[in-house]
Amino acid sequence: MDKKYNNRIPREILINLNKDPVMKRLIKKHGELEWDWEVDLFSDLIESIINQQLSDKAAATIFKRFKSLFGKKFPKPEEILKLSDEKIRESGISFSKIKYIKGICEAIKKGELELDKLDSLSDEKVVEELVKLKGIGQWTAEMMLMFSLKRMDVFSVGDLGLRTAVSKLYKIDRSDVKKIEEISLRWKPYRTIAARYLWRSLD
């Protein structure tokens, strides 16, 4: 379930993205972004539930408290299921999110969700598998593809930040989803990397 990826974005990706003048300016301005993450799909999935509708700071605090309930190592699904909802609630997680988290744990325990096999599935199939879980929607599934599974050609048109960035940089209406999708095709097959530069442009 754990993976570690090299921290360098292959140069051919940057060369490809540089074909778009707007993206070329972003790459020149922000330089080569780091690509160095240790990944645990289960931990990422639980964190994604906790993060929903919270500021980054609040989410990080609550996630830290949640992990501290189980000691130094991130808990296994069985450990989370054994802990009472009331105890988990003490970390600041709402009861509805606790239900979603335990639902994910149950799905893993029953073999309905096999995280180790997600890497072998197509992007579309990964999304299909994840959105079956209560608490996981299209956007969360796409973020898992981008940041956990490291799929290089994902663009989340449902992400307000990405639409805002494209709107500002390409002078189009933020609500024109069709046009934004058309523009994103310029960055294939590296739309994930393009998205990271778009997010950076908002900083």
Protein backbone atom coordinates (compact mmCIF):
# COMPACT_ATOMS: atom_id res chain seq x y z
CA MET A 1 0.00 0.00 0.00
CA ASP A 2 2.94 2.32 0.60
CA LYS A 3 4.87 3.89 -2.27
CA LYS A 4 7.63 6.41 -2.65
CA TYR A 5 8.16 8.35 -5.82
CA ASN A 6 11.16 10.19 -7.27
CA ASN A 7 11.10 13.92 -6.65
CA ARG A 8 11.97 15.06 -10.17
CA ILE A 9 9.37 15.80 -12.82
CA PRO A 10 10.75 14.31 -16.07
CA ARG A 11 12.01 17.04 -18.38
CA GLU A 12 9.94 15.77 -21.30
CA ILE A 13 6.81 16.71 -19.36
CA LEU A 14 7.93 20.31 -18.95
CA ILE A 15 8.94 20.47 -22.63
CA ASN A 16 5.47 19.24 -23.57
CA LEU A 17 3.70 21.80 -21.36
CA ASN A 18 5.91 24.61 -22.66
CA LYS A 19 4.13 24.31 -26.01
CA ASP A 20 1.31 26.31 -24.41
CA PRO A 21 2.54 29.94 -24.01
CA VAL A 22 0.51 30.45 -20.83
CA MET A 23 1.84 27.30 -19.22
CA LYS A 24 5.35 28.21 -20.37
CA ARG A 25 5.11 31.48 -18.41
CA LEU A 26 3.92 29.64 -15.31
CA ILE A 27 6.77 27.13 -15.49
CA LYS A 28 9.29 29.95 -15.94
CA LYS A 29 7.82 31.84 -12.98
CA HIS A 30 7.45 28.97 -10.54
CA GLY A 31 10.26 26.71 -11.70
CA GLU A 32 10.34 22.95 -11.39
CA LEU A 33 7.84 21.86 -8.75
CA GLU A 34 8.76 19.15 -6.29
CA TRP A 35 7.30 15.70 -6.87
CA ASP A 36 8.33 13.94 -3.70
CA TRP A 37 5.61 12.32 -1.62
CA GLU A 38 5.37 9.21 0.46
CA VAL A 39 2.03 7.69 -0.27
CA ASP A 40 -0.30 5.51 1.77
CA LEU A 41 -3.60 5.13 -0.02
CA PHE A 42 -5.55 4.20 3.11
CA SER A 43 -4.19 7.12 5.12
CA ASP A 44 -4.83 9.50 2.18
CA LEU A 45 -8.40 8.29 1.85
CA ILE A 46 -9.16 8.80 5.54
CA GLU A 47 -7.47 12.21 5.46
CA SER A 48 -9.57 13.22 2.46
CA ILE A 49 -12.74 12.55 4.46
CA ILE A 50 -11.49 14.54 7.43
CA ASN A 51 -10.44 17.47 5.20
CA GLN A 52 -13.85 17.95 3.61
CA GLN A 53 -15.31 21.44 4.19
CA LEU A 54 -12.49 22.44 6.54
CA SER A 55 -9.63 24.92 6.23
CA ASP A 56 -6.18 23.38 5.71
CA LYS A 57 -5.11 24.37 9.22
CA ALA A 58 -8.17 22.95 10.96
CA ALA A 59 -8.04 19.75 8.92
CA ALA A 60 -4.34 19.22 9.71
CA THR A 61 -4.99 19.67 13.44
CA ILE A 62 -7.88 17.21 13.48
CA PHE A 63 -6.02 14.65 11.38
CA LYS A 64 -3.08 14.85 13.79
CA ARG A 65 -5.40 14.30 16.76
CA PHE A 66 -7.01 11.36 15.00
CA LYS A 67 -3.64 9.69 14.37
CA SER A 68 -2.60 10.27 18.00
CA LEU A 69 -5.52 8.11 19.14
CA PHE A 70 -3.65 5.10 17.78
CA GLY A 71 -0.04 5.75 18.75
CA LYS A 72 2.90 6.21 16.38
CA LYS A 73 1.72 4.14 13.43
CA PHE A 74 -1.29 4.94 11.28
CA PRO A 75 -4.10 2.55 12.28
CA LYS A 76 -5.29 -0.38 10.27
CA PRO A 77 -9.00 -0.56 9.30
CA GLU A 78 -9.64 -3.10 12.06
CA GLU A 79 -8.22 -0.78 14.71
CA ILE A 80 -10.44 2.08 13.61
CA LEU A 81 -13.51 -0.16 13.65
CA LYS A 82 -12.76 -1.24 17.22
CA LEU A 83 -12.60 2.32 18.52
CA SER A 84 -15.93 3.80 19.62
CA ASP A 85 -17.48 6.66 17.67
CA GLU A 86 -17.44 8.74 20.84
CA LYS A 87 -13.70 8.31 21.27
CA ILE A 88 -13.01 9.25 17.66
CA ARG A 89 -15.33 12.24 18.05
CA GLU A 90 -12.94 13.60 20.71
CA SER A 91 -10.41 14.31 17.95
CA GLY A 92 -12.86 16.76 16.37
CA ILE A 93 -14.27 14.56 13.61
CA SER A 94 -18.03 14.86 13.13
CA PHE A 95 -20.20 11.78 13.59
CA SER A 96 -21.17 11.84 9.90
CA LYS A 97 -17.50 11.71 8.88
CA ILE A 98 -16.86 8.95 11.41
CA LYS A 99 -19.59 6.98 9.71
CA TYR A 100 -17.92 7.50 6.32
CA ILE A 101 -14.50 6.52 7.70
CA LYS A 102 -15.84 3.35 9.28
CA GLY A 103 -17.74 2.59 6.08
CA ILE A 104 -14.44 2.66 4.19
CA CYS A 105 -12.86 0.41 6.82
CA GLU A 106 -15.74 -2.05 6.54
CA ALA A 107 -15.44 -2.09 2.74
CA ILE A 108 -11.73 -2.89 3.01
CA LYS A 109 -12.34 -5.54 5.67
CA LYS A 110 -14.99 -7.25 3.54
CA GLY A 111 -12.84 -7.10 0.40
CA GLU A 112 -15.27 -4.74 -1.34
CA LEU A 113 -12.47 -2.19 -1.71
CA GLU A 114 -8.97 -3.47 -2.53
CA LEU A 115 -6.66 -0.47 -2.34
CA ASP A 116 -3.65 -2.46 -3.52
CA LYS A 117 -5.42 -3.16 -6.81
CA LEU A 118 -6.38 0.44 -7.59
CA ASP A 119 -3.01 1.13 -9.18
CA SER A 120 -3.72 -1.44 -11.88
CA LEU A 121 -7.08 0.09 -12.84
CA SER A 122 -7.80 2.80 -15.39
CA ASP A 123 -8.52 6.32 -14.14
CA GLU A 124 -12.20 5.90 -14.91
CA LYS A 125 -12.39 2.58 -13.07
CA VAL A 126 -10.60 4.00 -10.01
CA VAL A 127 -13.17 6.81 -9.82
CA GLU A 128 -15.98 4.29 -10.28
CA GLU A 129 -14.67 2.17 -7.39
CA LEU A 130 -14.12 5.09 -5.02
CA VAL A 131 -17.41 6.91 -5.54
CA LYS A 132 -19.23 3.74 -4.45
CA LEU A 133 -18.13 4.67 -0.94
CA LYS A 134 -20.29 7.05 1.05
CA GLY A 135 -18.40 10.28 1.65
CA ILE A 136 -16.30 9.97 -1.51
CA GLY A 137 -17.42 12.03 -4.49
CA GLN A 138 -16.01 12.73 -7.93
CA TRP A 139 -13.67 15.51 -6.73
CA THR A 140 -12.18 13.44 -3.91
CA ALA A 141 -11.66 10.50 -6.25
CA GLU A 142 -9.88 12.75 -8.74
CA MET A 143 -7.61 14.15 -6.03
CA MET A 144 -6.74 10.56 -5.07
CA LEU A 145 -5.82 9.88 -8.68
CA MET A 146 -3.61 12.96 -8.85
CA PHE A 147 -1.89 12.99 -5.49
CA SER A 148 -1.98 9.39 -4.27
CA LEU A 149 -1.87 7.26 -7.40
CA LYS A 150 0.25 9.83 -9.27
CA ARG A 151 -1.77 9.61 -12.47
CA MET A 152 -0.28 12.16 -14.85
CA ASP A 153 -3.30 13.01 -16.99
CA VAL A 154 -6.07 14.05 -14.60
CA PHE A 155 -7.87 17.39 -14.69
CA SER A 156 -10.65 18.04 -12.18
CA VAL A 157 -13.08 20.43 -13.81
CA GLY A 158 -15.09 20.31 -10.58
CA ASP A 159 -12.26 22.02 -8.71
CA LEU A 160 -13.11 25.69 -8.21
CA GLY A 161 -9.46 26.67 -7.86
CA LEU A 162 -8.54 25.16 -11.23
CA ARG A 163 -11.49 26.80 -12.95
CA THR A 164 -10.58 30.13 -11.35
CA ALA A 165 -6.97 29.85 -12.52
CA VAL A 166 -7.96 28.97 -16.09
CA SER A 167 -10.51 31.79 -16.08
CA LYS A 168 -7.88 34.37 -15.08
CA LEU A 169 -5.08 33.11 -17.30
CA TYR A 170 -7.09 32.41 -20.44
CA LYS A 171 -9.67 35.22 -20.05
CA ILE A 172 -12.79 33.07 -20.08
CA ASP A 173 -15.82 32.68 -17.82
CA ARG A 174 -15.15 30.47 -14.81
CA SER A 175 -18.52 28.78 -15.31
CA ASP A 176 -17.77 27.82 -18.93
CA VAL A 177 -16.91 24.23 -18.08
CA LYS A 178 -16.92 23.07 -21.70
CA LYS A 179 -14.37 25.69 -22.75
CA ILE A 180 -12.18 24.95 -19.72
CA GLU A 181 -12.21 21.25 -20.60
CA GLU A 182 -11.23 22.12 -24.18
CA ILE A 183 -8.30 24.21 -22.95
CA SER A 184 -7.16 21.40 -20.65
CA LEU A 185 -6.74 19.14 -23.67
CA ARG A 186 -3.70 21.25 -24.64
CA TRP A 187 -1.81 19.74 -21.73
CA LYS A 188 -2.50 16.07 -22.42
CA PRO A 189 -1.07 13.66 -21.39
CA TYR A 190 0.25 15.68 -18.43
CA ARG A 191 -2.78 17.54 -17.15
CA THR A 192 -2.00 16.64 -13.53
CA ILE A 193 1.27 18.57 -13.70
CA ALA A 194 -0.47 21.45 -15.49
CA ALA A 195 -3.05 21.52 -12.70
CA ARG A 196 -0.31 21.90 -10.11
CA TYR A 197 1.02 24.96 -11.93
CA LEU A 198 -2.49 26.37 -12.16
CA TRP A 199 -2.97 25.97 -8.40
CA ARG A 200 0.42 27.58 -7.81
CA SER A 201 -0.62 30.57 -9.93
CA LEU A 202 -3.33 31.32 -7.34
CA ASP A 203 -0.85 31.67 -4.45
